[in-house]
Amino acid sequence: MTKDNVKKVMETAEDVTRKIWLAGLGAYGKGFDEIQDRYEQLNDDANRIFDELVSKGEKLEEDTKAKIKEKTSVEQRVEDVRKKLGFDSSDTDSKIEELTAKIDVLTEAVNKLS
């Protein structure tokens, strides 16, 4: 092997070694770019999903408040009707006893008439 041949082989080996190094570096860069893109996509997806969940939560909160308000309104109307009929929760037992006594008196009066 001549000196020129050895020089060419060395240059070729250096060139191949450099290309292998550059291919590895390129693979690292490409992998890094892909990971970066996936990270950004996952971050965007996470933000979008979070915003959707917040929106869904706001809707559920609004619906729940409306139902509670409606239920409270119905309960208030029932309470108003009970009061108008004289069935306040505070004196229901005494009202029932009073009505029972009146019915007994009326029953006695009817029995005397017949």
C-alpha atoms as a PDB file:
ATOM      1  CA  MET A   1       0.000   0.000   0.000  1.00  0.00           C
ATOM      2  CA  THR A   2       1.367   3.331  -0.987  1.00  0.00           C
ATOM      3  CA  LYS A   3       1.341   6.476   0.985  1.00  0.00           C
ATOM      4  CA  ASP A   4      -1.345   7.967  -1.277  1.00  0.00           C
ATOM      5  CA  ASN A   5      -3.532   4.902  -0.870  1.00  0.00           C
ATOM      6  CA  VAL A   6      -3.207   5.047   2.902  1.00  0.00           C
ATOM      7  CA  LYS A   7      -4.093   8.753   2.790  1.00  0.00           C
ATOM      8  CA  LYS A   8      -7.192   8.038   0.665  1.00  0.00           C
ATOM      9  CA  VAL A   9      -8.283   5.214   2.989  1.00  0.00           C
ATOM     10  CA  MET A  10      -7.825   7.499   6.012  1.00  0.00           C
ATOM     11  CA  GLU A  11      -9.790  10.295   4.341  1.00  0.00           C
ATOM     12  CA  THR A  12     -12.543   7.852   3.406  1.00  0.00           C
ATOM     13  CA  ALA A  13     -12.622   6.474   6.968  1.00  0.00           C
ATOM     14  CA  GLU A  14     -12.765   9.995   8.382  1.00  0.00           C
ATOM     15  CA  ASP A  15     -15.550  10.882   5.937  1.00  0.00           C
ATOM     16  CA  VAL A  16     -17.551   7.754   6.840  1.00  0.00           C
ATOM     17  CA  THR A  17     -16.959   8.353  10.550  1.00  0.00           C
ATOM     18  CA  ARG A  18     -18.100  11.973  10.202  1.00  0.00           C
ATOM     19  CA  LYS A  19     -21.217  10.902   8.301  1.00  0.00           C
ATOM     20  CA  ILE A  20     -22.036   8.315  10.978  1.00  0.00           C
ATOM     21  CA  TRP A  21     -21.618  11.005  13.632  1.00  0.00           C
ATOM     22  CA  LEU A  22     -23.843  13.415  11.656  1.00  0.00           C
ATOM     23  CA  ALA A  23     -26.487  10.694  11.139  1.00  0.00           C
ATOM     24  CA  GLY A  24     -26.569  10.067  14.888  1.00  0.00           C
ATOM     25  CA  LEU A  25     -26.785  13.780  15.570  1.00  0.00           C
ATOM     26  CA  GLY A  26     -29.573  14.083  12.984  1.00  0.00           C
ATOM     27  CA  ALA A  27     -31.460  11.187  14.585  1.00  0.00           C
ATOM     28  CA  TYR A  28     -31.163  12.874  17.970  1.00  0.00           C
ATOM     29  CA  GLY A  29     -32.429  16.181  16.512  1.00  0.00           C
ATOM     30  CA  LYS A  30     -35.324  14.486  14.729  1.00  0.00           C
ATOM     31  CA  GLY A  31     -36.301  12.597  17.893  1.00  0.00           C
ATOM     32  CA  PHE A  32     -36.113  15.803  19.906  1.00  0.00           C
ATOM     33  CA  ASP A  33     -38.321  17.634  17.373  1.00  0.00           C
ATOM     34  CA  GLU A  34     -40.899  14.820  17.430  1.00  0.00           C
ATOM     35  CA  ILE A  35     -40.962  14.785  21.215  1.00  0.00           C
ATOM     36  CA  GLN A  36     -41.318  18.571  21.255  1.00  0.00           C
ATOM     37  CA  ASP A  37     -44.235  18.387  18.778  1.00  0.00           C
ATOM     38  CA  ARG A  38     -45.960  15.645  20.803  1.00  0.00           C
ATOM     39  CA  TYR A  39     -45.481  17.591  24.005  1.00  0.00           C
ATOM     40  CA  GLU A  40     -47.040  20.691  22.465  1.00  0.00           C
ATOM     41  CA  GLN A  41     -49.932  18.625  21.083  1.00  0.00           C
ATOM     42  CA  LEU A  42     -50.537  16.980  24.463  1.00  0.00           C
ATOM     43  CA  ASN A  43     -50.384  20.368  26.155  1.00  0.00           C
ATOM     44  CA  ASP A  44     -52.903  21.790  23.667  1.00  0.00           C
ATOM     45  CA  ASP A  45     -55.165  18.748  24.134  1.00  0.00           C
ATOM     46  CA  ALA A  46     -54.937  19.031  27.911  1.00  0.00           C
ATOM     47  CA  ASN A  47     -55.873  22.717  27.771  1.00  0.00           C
ATOM     48  CA  ARG A  48     -58.768  22.005  25.398  1.00  0.00           C
ATOM     49  CA  ILE A  49     -60.075  19.171  27.590  1.00  0.00           C
ATOM     50  CA  PHE A  50     -59.724  21.330  30.702  1.00  0.00           C
ATOM     51  CA  ASP A  51     -61.693  24.137  29.044  1.00  0.00           C
ATOM     52  CA  GLU A  52     -64.388  21.644  27.976  1.00  0.00           C
ATOM     53  CA  LEU A  53     -64.634  20.315  31.542  1.00  0.00           C
ATOM     54  CA  VAL A  54     -64.926  23.842  32.943  1.00  0.00           C
ATOM     55  CA  SER A  55     -67.675  24.624  30.438  1.00  0.00           C
ATOM     56  CA  LYS A  56     -69.516  21.387  31.300  1.00  0.00           C
ATOM     57  CA  GLY A  57     -69.148  22.178  35.007  1.00  0.00           C
ATOM     58  CA  GLU A  58     -70.579  25.662  34.522  1.00  0.00           C
ATOM     59  CA  LYS A  59     -73.580  24.194  32.665  1.00  0.00           C
ATOM     60  CA  LEU A  60     -74.174  21.589  35.392  1.00  0.00           C
ATOM     61  CA  GLU A  61     -73.860  24.254  38.085  1.00  0.00           C
ATOM     62  CA  GLU A  62     -76.374  26.450  36.262  1.00  0.00           C
ATOM     63  CA  ASP A  63     -78.828  23.545  35.820  1.00  0.00           C
ATOM     64  CA  THR A  64     -78.452  22.510  39.456  1.00  0.00           C
ATOM     65  CA  LYS A  65     -79.068  26.031  40.715  1.00  0.00           C
ATOM     66  CA  ALA A  66     -82.205  26.269  38.549  1.00  0.00           C
ATOM     67  CA  LYS A  67     -83.520  22.946  39.889  1.00  0.00           C
ATOM     68  CA  ILE A  68     -82.796  23.947  43.474  1.00  0.00           C
ATOM     69  CA  LYS A  69     -84.544  27.260  42.917  1.00  0.00           C
ATOM     70  CA  GLU A  70     -87.515  25.468  41.338  1.00  0.00           C
ATOM     71  CA  LYS A  71     -87.692  22.963  44.199  1.00  0.00           C
ATOM     72  CA  THR A  72     -87.468  25.730  46.765  1.00  0.00           C
ATOM     73  CA  SER A  73     -90.226  27.587  44.927  1.00  0.00           C
ATOM     74  CA  VAL A  74     -92.472  24.502  44.921  1.00  0.00           C
ATOM     75  CA  GLU A  75     -91.790  23.868  48.596  1.00  0.00           C
ATOM     76  CA  GLN A  76     -92.669  27.492  49.360  1.00  0.00           C
ATOM     77  CA  ARG A  77     -95.949  27.185  47.447  1.00  0.00           C
ATOM     78  CA  VAL A  78     -96.814  23.969  49.308  1.00  0.00           C
ATOM     79  CA  GLU A  79     -96.057  25.699  52.605  1.00  0.00           C
ATOM     80  CA  ASP A  80     -98.247  28.665  51.594  1.00  0.00           C
ATOM     81  CA  VAL A  81    -101.144  26.316  50.746  1.00  0.00           C
ATOM     82  CA  ARG A  82    -100.708  24.480  54.074  1.00  0.00           C
ATOM     83  CA  LYS A  83    -100.846  27.803  55.909  1.00  0.00           C
ATOM     84  CA  LYS A  84    -103.975  28.886  54.010  1.00  0.00           C
ATOM     85  CA  LEU A  85    -105.630  25.590  54.923  1.00  0.00           C
ATOM     86  CA  GLY A  86    -104.629  26.096  58.530  1.00  0.00           C
ATOM     87  CA  PHE A  87    -102.091  23.321  58.673  1.00  0.00           C
ATOM     88  CA  ASP A  88     -99.122  25.253  59.963  1.00  0.00           C
ATOM     89  CA  SER A  89     -96.455  22.844  61.013  1.00  0.00           C
ATOM     90  CA  SER A  90     -96.337  24.495  64.426  1.00  0.00           C
ATOM     91  CA  ASP A  91     -99.944  23.767  65.431  1.00  0.00           C
ATOM     92  CA  THR A  92    -101.075  20.917  63.162  1.00  0.00           C
ATOM     93  CA  ASP A  93    -101.779  18.560  66.069  1.00  0.00           C
ATOM     94  CA  SER A  94    -103.938  21.089  67.894  1.00  0.00           C
ATOM     95  CA  LYS A  95    -105.878  21.875  64.691  1.00  0.00           C
ATOM     96  CA  ILE A  96    -106.531  18.169  64.117  1.00  0.00           C
ATOM     97  CA  GLU A  97    -107.743  17.742  67.707  1.00  0.00           C
ATOM     98  CA  GLU A  98    -109.975  20.798  67.332  1.00  0.00           C
ATOM     99  CA  LEU A  99    -111.476  19.480  64.081  1.00  0.00           C
ATOM    100  CA  THR A 100    -111.956  16.030  65.603  1.00  0.00           C
ATOM    101  CA  ALA A 101    -113.834  17.561  68.550  1.00  0.00           C
ATOM    102  CA  LYS A 102    -116.093  19.542  66.186  1.00  0.00           C
ATOM    103  CA  ILE A 103    -116.811  16.399  64.149  1.00  0.00           C
ATOM    104  CA  ASP A 104    -117.694  14.545  67.351  1.00  0.00           C
ATOM    105  CA  VAL A 105    -120.111  17.327  68.349  1.00  0.00           C
ATOM    106  CA  LEU A 106    -121.698  17.320  64.889  1.00  0.00           C
ATOM    107  CA  THR A 107    -121.977  13.521  64.909  1.00  0.00           C
ATOM    108  CA  GLU A 108    -123.738  13.678  68.294  1.00  0.00           C
ATOM    109  CA  ALA A 109    -126.133  16.347  67.039  1.00  0.00           C
ATOM    110  CA  VAL A 110    -126.991  14.281  63.940  1.00  0.00           C
ATOM    111  CA  ASN A 111    -127.574  11.211  66.079  1.00  0.00           C
ATOM    112  CA  LYS A 112    -129.997  13.166  68.320  1.00  0.00           C
ATOM    113  CA  LEU A 113    -131.908  14.413  65.300  1.00  0.00           C
ATOM    114  CA  SER A 114    -132.404  10.946  63.929  1.00  0.00           C
END
